[in-house]
């Protein structure tokens, strides 16, 4: 438990929320780098929302590095 002690609602001093979506950790780490120019999830959303006939294929090129943890914004 990393040195934490269970407590009641009246006693706690810290709340930790761990998201189930593991891509949040990867994209947050990438976004913290000074060279990142765009949030990868926003980029993916924008590509999927584009009207072009190749949007799905283009989105796959954005999605794969997000899921693999190799996104380099």
PDB file of N, CA and C in Angstrom:
ATOM      1  N   UNK A   1       0.809  -1.200   0.000  1.00  0.00           N
ATOM      2  CA  UNK A   1       0.000   0.000   0.000  1.00  0.00           C
ATOM      3  C   UNK A   1       0.851   1.263   0.000  1.00  0.00           C
ATOM      4  N   UNK A   2       2.089   1.175  -0.293  1.00  0.00           N
ATOM      5  CA  UNK A   2       2.964   2.350  -0.423  1.00  0.00           C
ATOM      6  C   UNK A   2       3.012   3.194   0.844  1.00  0.00           C
ATOM      7  N   UNK A   3       2.901   2.567   1.994  1.00  0.00           N
ATOM      8  CA  UNK A   3       3.024   3.313   3.244  1.00  0.00           C
ATOM      9  C   UNK A   3       1.756   4.006   3.707  1.00  0.00           C
ATOM     10  N   UNK A   4       0.655   3.820   3.005  1.00  0.00           N
ATOM     11  CA  UNK A   4      -0.599   4.442   3.419  1.00  0.00           C
ATOM     12  C   UNK A   4      -1.317   3.558   4.419  1.00  0.00           C
ATOM     13  N   UNK A   5      -2.152   4.170   5.228  1.00  0.00           N
ATOM     14  CA  UNK A   5      -2.937   3.451   6.212  1.00  0.00           C
ATOM     15  C   UNK A   5      -4.410   3.661   5.923  1.00  0.00           C
ATOM     16  N   UNK A   6      -5.204   2.594   5.900  1.00  0.00           N
ATOM     17  CA  UNK A   6      -6.642   2.768   5.675  1.00  0.00           C
ATOM     18  C   UNK A   6      -7.251   3.660   6.761  1.00  0.00           C
ATOM     19  N   UNK A   7      -8.232   4.445   6.379  1.00  0.00           N
ATOM     20  CA  UNK A   7      -8.879   5.336   7.346  1.00  0.00           C
ATOM     21  C   UNK A   7     -10.348   5.488   7.010  1.00  0.00           C
ATOM     22  N   UNK A   8     -11.056   6.143   7.898  1.00  0.00           N
ATOM     23  CA  UNK A   8     -12.482   6.392   7.674  1.00  0.00           C
ATOM     24  C   UNK A   8     -12.647   7.656   6.835  1.00  0.00           C
ATOM     25  N   UNK A   9     -13.870   7.919   6.392  1.00  0.00           N
ATOM     26  CA  UNK A   9     -14.155   9.131   5.624  1.00  0.00           C
ATOM     27  C   UNK A   9     -13.842  10.392   6.425  1.00  0.00           C
ATOM     28  N   UNK A  10     -13.967  10.331   7.718  1.00  0.00           N
ATOM     29  CA  UNK A  10     -13.711  11.504   8.558  1.00  0.00           C
ATOM     30  C   UNK A  10     -12.220  11.743   8.793  1.00  0.00           C
ATOM     31  N   UNK A  11     -11.394  10.718   8.588  1.00  0.00           N
ATOM     32  CA  UNK A  11      -9.974  10.812   8.915  1.00  0.00           C
ATOM     33  C   UNK A  11      -9.036  11.003   7.718  1.00  0.00           C
ATOM     34  N   UNK A  12      -9.496  10.719   6.518  1.00  0.00           N
ATOM     35  CA  UNK A  12      -8.568  10.715   5.392  1.00  0.00           C
ATOM     36  C   UNK A  12      -8.040  12.114   5.069  1.00  0.00           C
ATOM     37  N   UNK A  13      -6.839  12.149   4.481  1.00  0.00           N
ATOM     38  CA  UNK A  13      -6.231  13.415   4.074  1.00  0.00           C
ATOM     39  C   UNK A  13      -5.831  13.399   2.602  1.00  0.00           C
ATOM     40  N   UNK A  14      -5.978  12.266   1.955  1.00  0.00           N
ATOM     41  CA  UNK A  14      -5.605  12.159   0.552  1.00  0.00           C
ATOM     42  C   UNK A  14      -6.552  11.188  -0.141  1.00  0.00           C
ATOM     43  N   UNK A  15      -6.983  11.561  -1.348  1.00  0.00           N
ATOM     44  CA  UNK A  15      -7.807  10.677  -2.163  1.00  0.00           C
ATOM     45  C   UNK A  15      -7.054  10.435  -3.460  1.00  0.00           C
ATOM     46  N   UNK A  16      -6.898   9.171  -3.828  1.00  0.00           N
ATOM     47  CA  UNK A  16      -6.212   8.808  -5.061  1.00  0.00           C
ATOM     48  C   UNK A  16      -7.221   8.158  -5.986  1.00  0.00           C
ATOM     49  N   UNK A  17      -7.287   8.637  -7.205  1.00  0.00           N
ATOM     50  CA  UNK A  17      -8.157   8.052  -8.214  1.00  0.00           C
ATOM     51  C   UNK A  17      -7.280   7.482  -9.312  1.00  0.00           C
ATOM     52  N   UNK A  18      -7.463   6.208  -9.612  1.00  0.00           N
ATOM     53  CA  UNK A  18      -6.685   5.548 -10.651  1.00  0.00           C
ATOM     54  C   UNK A  18      -7.633   5.232 -11.808  1.00  0.00           C
ATOM     55  N   UNK A  19      -7.428   5.881 -12.953  1.00  0.00           N
ATOM     56  CA  UNK A  19      -8.320   5.626 -14.083  1.00  0.00           C
ATOM     57  C   UNK A  19      -8.124   4.233 -14.663  1.00  0.00           C
ATOM     58  N   UNK A  20      -9.195   3.630 -15.156  1.00  0.00           N
ATOM     59  CA  UNK A  20      -9.094   2.314 -15.783  1.00  0.00           C
ATOM     60  C   UNK A  20      -8.472   2.413 -17.175  1.00  0.00           C
ATOM     61  N   UNK A  21      -8.633   3.564 -17.827  1.00  0.00           N
ATOM     62  CA  UNK A  21      -8.099   3.773 -19.168  1.00  0.00           C
ATOM     63  C   UNK A  21      -6.598   4.030 -19.079  1.00  0.00           C
ATOM     64  N   UNK A  22      -5.792   3.039 -19.399  1.00  0.00           N
ATOM     65  CA  UNK A  22      -4.334   3.147 -19.260  1.00  0.00           C
ATOM     66  C   UNK A  22      -3.708   4.111 -20.255  1.00  0.00           C
ATOM     67  N   UNK A  23      -4.424   4.455 -21.331  1.00  0.00           N
ATOM     68  CA  UNK A  23      -3.859   5.403 -22.292  1.00  0.00           C
ATOM     69  C   UNK A  23      -3.736   6.793 -21.688  1.00  0.00           C
ATOM     70  N   UNK A  24      -4.495   7.088 -20.628  1.00  0.00           N
ATOM     71  CA  UNK A  24      -4.389   8.395 -19.980  1.00  0.00           C
ATOM     72  C   UNK A  24      -2.993   8.632 -19.430  1.00  0.00           C
ATOM     73  N   UNK A  25      -2.380   7.596 -18.865  1.00  0.00           N
ATOM     74  CA  UNK A  25      -1.032   7.750 -18.315  1.00  0.00           C
ATOM     75  C   UNK A  25      -0.033   8.010 -19.429  1.00  0.00           C
ATOM     76  N   UNK A  26      -0.166   7.285 -20.533  1.00  0.00           N
ATOM     77  CA  UNK A  26       0.773   7.447 -21.645  1.00  0.00           C
ATOM     78  C   UNK A  26       0.659   8.830 -22.269  1.00  0.00           C
ATOM     79  N   UNK A  27      -0.581   9.249 -22.523  1.00  0.00           N
ATOM     80  CA  UNK A  27      -0.751  10.551 -23.177  1.00  0.00           C
ATOM     81  C   UNK A  27      -0.384  11.691 -22.239  1.00  0.00           C
ATOM     82  N   UNK A  28      -0.629  11.529 -20.946  1.00  0.00           N
ATOM     83  CA  UNK A  28      -0.249  12.575 -19.992  1.00  0.00           C
ATOM     84  C   UNK A  28       1.269  12.689 -19.914  1.00  0.00           C
ATOM     85  N   UNK A  29       1.962  11.570 -19.928  1.00  0.00           N
ATOM     86  CA  UNK A  29       3.424  11.604 -19.879  1.00  0.00           C
ATOM     87  C   UNK A  29       3.988  12.252 -21.135  1.00  0.00           C
ATOM     88  N   UNK A  30       3.401  11.944 -22.286  1.00  0.00           N
ATOM     89  CA  UNK A  30       3.867  12.539 -23.534  1.00  0.00           C
ATOM     90  C   UNK A  30       3.571  14.029 -23.564  1.00  0.00           C
ATOM     91  N   UNK A  31       2.414  14.418 -23.068  1.00  0.00           N
ATOM     92  CA  UNK A  31       2.029  15.826 -23.082  1.00  0.00           C
ATOM     93  C   UNK A  31       2.902  16.666 -22.155  1.00  0.00           C
ATOM     94  N   UNK A  32       3.512  16.035 -21.171  1.00  0.00           N
ATOM     95  CA  UNK A  32       4.368  16.766 -20.232  1.00  0.00           C
ATOM     96  C   UNK A  32       5.732  17.092 -20.836  1.00  0.00           C
ATOM     97  N   UNK A  33       6.055  16.476 -21.955  1.00  0.00           N
ATOM     98  CA  UNK A  33       7.337  16.729 -22.608  1.00  0.00           C
ATOM     99  C   UNK A  33       7.296  18.077 -23.322  1.00  0.00           C
ATOM    100  N   UNK A  34       8.365  18.847 -23.282  1.00  0.00           N
ATOM    101  CA  UNK A  34       8.360  20.185 -23.884  1.00  0.00           C
ATOM    102  C   UNK A  34       8.211  20.189 -25.405  1.00  0.00           C
ATOM    103  N   UNK A  35       8.485  19.081 -26.075  1.00  0.00           N
ATOM    104  CA  UNK A  35       8.397  19.057 -27.533  1.00  0.00           C
ATOM    105  C   UNK A  35       7.009  18.700 -28.054  1.00  0.00           C
ATOM    106  N   UNK A  36       6.109  18.292 -27.184  1.00  0.00           N
ATOM    107  CA  UNK A  36       4.768  17.899 -27.624  1.00  0.00           C
ATOM    108  C   UNK A  36       4.000  19.134 -28.068  1.00  0.00           C
ATOM    109  N   UNK A  37       3.403  19.047 -29.238  1.00  0.00           N
ATOM    110  CA  UNK A  37       2.683  20.182 -29.802  1.00  0.00           C
ATOM    111  C   UNK A  37       1.179  20.027 -29.728  1.00  0.00           C
ATOM    112  N   UNK A  38       0.698  18.806 -29.545  1.00  0.00           N
ATOM    113  CA  UNK A  38      -0.746  18.565 -29.552  1.00  0.00           C
ATOM    114  C   UNK A  38      -1.069  17.387 -28.633  1.00  0.00           C
ATOM    115  N   UNK A  39      -2.220  17.470 -27.981  1.00  0.00           N
ATOM    116  CA  UNK A  39      -2.701  16.354 -27.170  1.00  0.00           C
ATOM    117  C   UNK A  39      -3.140  15.246 -28.128  1.00  0.00           C
ATOM    118  N   UNK A  40      -2.637  14.026 -27.963  1.00  0.00           N
ATOM    119  CA  UNK A  40      -2.946  12.964 -28.922  1.00  0.00           C
ATOM    120  C   UNK A  40      -4.420  12.579 -28.969  1.00  0.00           C
ATOM    121  N   UNK A  41      -5.110  12.655 -27.858  1.00  0.00           N
ATOM    122  CA  UNK A  41      -6.532  12.305 -27.865  1.00  0.00           C
ATOM    123  C   UNK A  41      -7.332  13.347 -28.637  1.00  0.00           C
ATOM    124  N   UNK A  42      -6.983  14.615 -28.479  1.00  0.00           N
ATOM    125  CA  UNK A  42      -7.659  15.667 -29.238  1.00  0.00           C
ATOM    126  C   UNK A  42      -7.356  15.504 -30.727  1.00  0.00           C
ATOM    127  N   UNK A  43      -6.111  15.174 -31.056  1.00  0.00           N
ATOM    128  CA  UNK A  43      -5.754  14.939 -32.458  1.00  0.00           C
ATOM    129  C   UNK A  43      -6.569  13.791 -33.037  1.00  0.00           C
ATOM    130  N   UNK A  44      -6.695  12.711 -32.292  1.00  0.00           N
ATOM    131  CA  UNK A  44      -7.474  11.563 -32.751  1.00  0.00           C
ATOM    132  C   UNK A  44      -8.928  11.955 -32.960  1.00  0.00           C
ATOM    133  N   UNK A  45      -9.483  12.682 -32.026  1.00  0.00           N
ATOM    134  CA  UNK A  45     -10.870  13.140 -32.141  1.00  0.00           C
ATOM    135  C   UNK A  45     -11.051  13.995 -33.394  1.00  0.00           C
ATOM    136  N   UNK A  46     -10.134  14.926 -33.613  1.00  0.00           N
ATOM    137  CA  UNK A  46     -10.233  15.809 -34.775  1.00  0.00           C
ATOM    138  C   UNK A  46     -10.126  15.049 -36.093  1.00  0.00           C
ATOM    139  N   UNK A  47      -9.227  14.071 -36.129  1.00  0.00           N
ATOM    140  CA  UNK A  47      -9.081  13.274 -37.352  1.00  0.00           C
ATOM    141  C   UNK A  47     -10.351  12.475 -37.607  1.00  0.00           C
ATOM    142  N   UNK A  48     -10.909  11.868 -36.568  1.00  0.00           N
ATOM    143  CA  UNK A  48     -12.141  11.093 -36.736  1.00  0.00           C
ATOM    144  C   UNK A  48     -13.318  11.966 -37.158  1.00  0.00           C
ATOM    145  N   UNK A  49     -13.305  13.229 -36.753  1.00  0.00           N
ATOM    146  CA  UNK A  49     -14.403  14.139 -37.084  1.00  0.00           C
ATOM    147  C   UNK A  49     -14.243  14.775 -38.461  1.00  0.00           C
ATOM    148  N   UNK A  50     -13.101  14.565 -39.095  1.00  0.00           N
ATOM    149  CA  UNK A  50     -12.882  15.192 -40.402  1.00  0.00           C
ATOM    150  C   UNK A  50     -13.763  14.523 -41.456  1.00  0.00           C
ATOM    151  N   UNK A  51     -14.195  15.301 -42.443  1.00  0.00           N
ATOM    152  CA  UNK A  51     -15.125  14.767 -43.439  1.00  0.00           C
ATOM    153  C   UNK A  51     -14.466  13.945 -44.551  1.00  0.00           C
ATOM    154  N   UNK A  52     -13.167  13.875 -44.578  1.00  0.00           N
ATOM    155  CA  UNK A  52     -12.479  13.189 -45.673  1.00  0.00           C
ATOM    156  C   UNK A  52     -12.770  11.700 -45.746  1.00  0.00           C
ATOM    157  N   UNK A  53     -12.627  11.126 -46.944  1.00  0.00           N
ATOM    158  CA  UNK A  53     -12.912   9.698 -47.124  1.00  0.00           C
ATOM    159  C   UNK A  53     -11.878   8.791 -46.458  1.00  0.00           C
ATOM    160  N   UNK A  54     -10.740   9.344 -46.080  1.00  0.00           N
ATOM    161  CA  UNK A  54      -9.678   8.541 -45.465  1.00  0.00           C
ATOM    162  C   UNK A  54      -9.560   8.769 -43.962  1.00  0.00           C
ATOM    163  N   UNK A  55     -10.578   9.341 -43.356  1.00  0.00           N
ATOM    164  CA  UNK A  55     -10.511   9.688 -41.930  1.00  0.00           C
ATOM    165  C   UNK A  55     -10.247   8.463 -41.056  1.00  0.00           C
ATOM    166  N   UNK A  56     -10.913   7.369 -41.322  1.00  0.00           N
ATOM    167  CA  UNK A  56     -10.745   6.165 -40.489  1.00  0.00           C
ATOM    168  C   UNK A  56      -9.317   5.632 -40.591  1.00  0.00           C
ATOM    169  N   UNK A  57      -8.774   5.607 -41.802  1.00  0.00           N
ATOM    170  CA  UNK A  57      -7.395   5.127 -41.983  1.00  0.00           C
ATOM    171  C   UNK A  57      -6.400   6.075 -41.320  1.00  0.00           C
ATOM    172  N   UNK A  58      -6.616   7.367 -41.479  1.00  0.00           N
ATOM    173  CA  UNK A  58      -5.735   8.349 -40.848  1.00  0.00           C
ATOM    174  C   UNK A  58      -5.802   8.237 -39.331  1.00  0.00           C
ATOM    175  N   UNK A  59      -7.009   8.040 -38.807  1.00  0.00           N
ATOM    176  CA  UNK A  59      -7.181   7.911 -37.359  1.00  0.00           C
ATOM    177  C   UNK A  59      -6.421   6.708 -36.824  1.00  0.00           C
ATOM    178  N   UNK A  60      -6.355   5.652 -37.611  1.00  0.00           N
ATOM    179  CA  UNK A  60      -5.627   4.461 -37.181  1.00  0.00           C
ATOM    180  C   UNK A  60      -4.136   4.774 -37.016  1.00  0.00           C
ATOM    181  N   UNK A  61      -3.603   5.653 -37.849  1.00  0.00           N
ATOM    182  CA  UNK A  61      -2.198   6.048 -37.744  1.00  0.00           C
ATOM    183  C   UNK A  61      -1.941   6.899 -36.500  1.00  0.00           C
ATOM    184  N   UNK A  62      -2.970   7.560 -36.014  1.00  0.00           N
ATOM    185  CA  UNK A  62      -2.857   8.337 -34.773  1.00  0.00           C
ATOM    186  C   UNK A  62      -3.093   7.425 -33.570  1.00  0.00           C
ATOM    187  N   UNK A  63      -4.074   6.534 -33.689  1.00  0.00           N
ATOM    188  CA  UNK A  63      -4.469   5.666 -32.579  1.00  0.00           C
ATOM    189  C   UNK A  63      -3.379   4.667 -32.193  1.00  0.00           C
ATOM    190  N   UNK A  64      -2.730   4.054 -33.167  1.00  0.00           N
ATOM    191  CA  UNK A  64      -1.742   3.012 -32.873  1.00  0.00           C
ATOM    192  C   UNK A  64      -0.633   3.477 -31.933  1.00  0.00           C
ATOM    193  N   UNK A  65       0.021   4.623 -32.188  1.00  0.00           N
ATOM    194  CA  UNK A  65       1.070   5.050 -31.254  1.00  0.00           C
ATOM    195  C   UNK A  65       0.533   5.406 -29.871  1.00  0.00           C
ATOM    196  N   UNK A  66      -0.719   5.856 -29.798  1.00  0.00           N
ATOM    197  CA  UNK A  66      -1.313   6.137 -28.491  1.00  0.00           C
ATOM    198  C   UNK A  66      -1.398   4.844 -27.693  1.00  0.00           C
ATOM    199  N   UNK A  67      -1.956   3.814 -28.313  1.00  0.00           N
ATOM    200  CA  UNK A  67      -2.140   2.538 -27.622  1.00  0.00           C
ATOM    201  C   UNK A  67      -0.820   1.832 -27.332  1.00  0.00           C
ATOM    202  N   UNK A  68       0.168   2.027 -28.195  1.00  0.00           N
ATOM    203  CA  UNK A  68       1.472   1.395 -28.003  1.00  0.00           C
ATOM    204  C   UNK A  68       2.378   2.174 -27.042  1.00  0.00           C
ATOM    205  N   UNK A  69       1.980   3.409 -26.728  1.00  0.00           N
ATOM    206  CA  UNK A  69       2.796   4.229 -25.839  1.00  0.00           C
ATOM    207  C   UNK A  69       3.982   4.856 -26.540  1.00  0.00           C
ATOM    208  N   UNK A  70       3.911   4.978 -27.872  1.00  0.00           N
ATOM    209  CA  UNK A  70       5.036   5.555 -28.631  1.00  0.00           C
ATOM    210  C   UNK A  70       4.705   6.908 -29.233  1.00  0.00           C
ATOM    211  N   UNK A  71       3.605   7.516 -28.833  1.00  0.00           N
ATOM    212  CA  UNK A  71       3.191   8.827 -29.363  1.00  0.00           C
ATOM    213  C   UNK A  71       4.299   9.850 -29.137  1.00  0.00           C
ATOM    214  N   UNK A  72       4.629  10.624 -30.153  1.00  0.00           N
ATOM    215  CA  UNK A  72       5.682  11.621 -30.051  1.00  0.00           C
ATOM    216  C   UNK A  72       5.217  12.973 -30.576  1.00  0.00           C
ATOM    217  N   UNK A  73       3.955  13.356 -30.314  1.00  0.00           N
ATOM    218  CA  UNK A  73       3.341  14.630 -30.668  1.00  0.00           C
ATOM    219  C   UNK A  73       4.124  15.501 -31.512  1.00  0.00           C
TER     220      UNK A  73
END
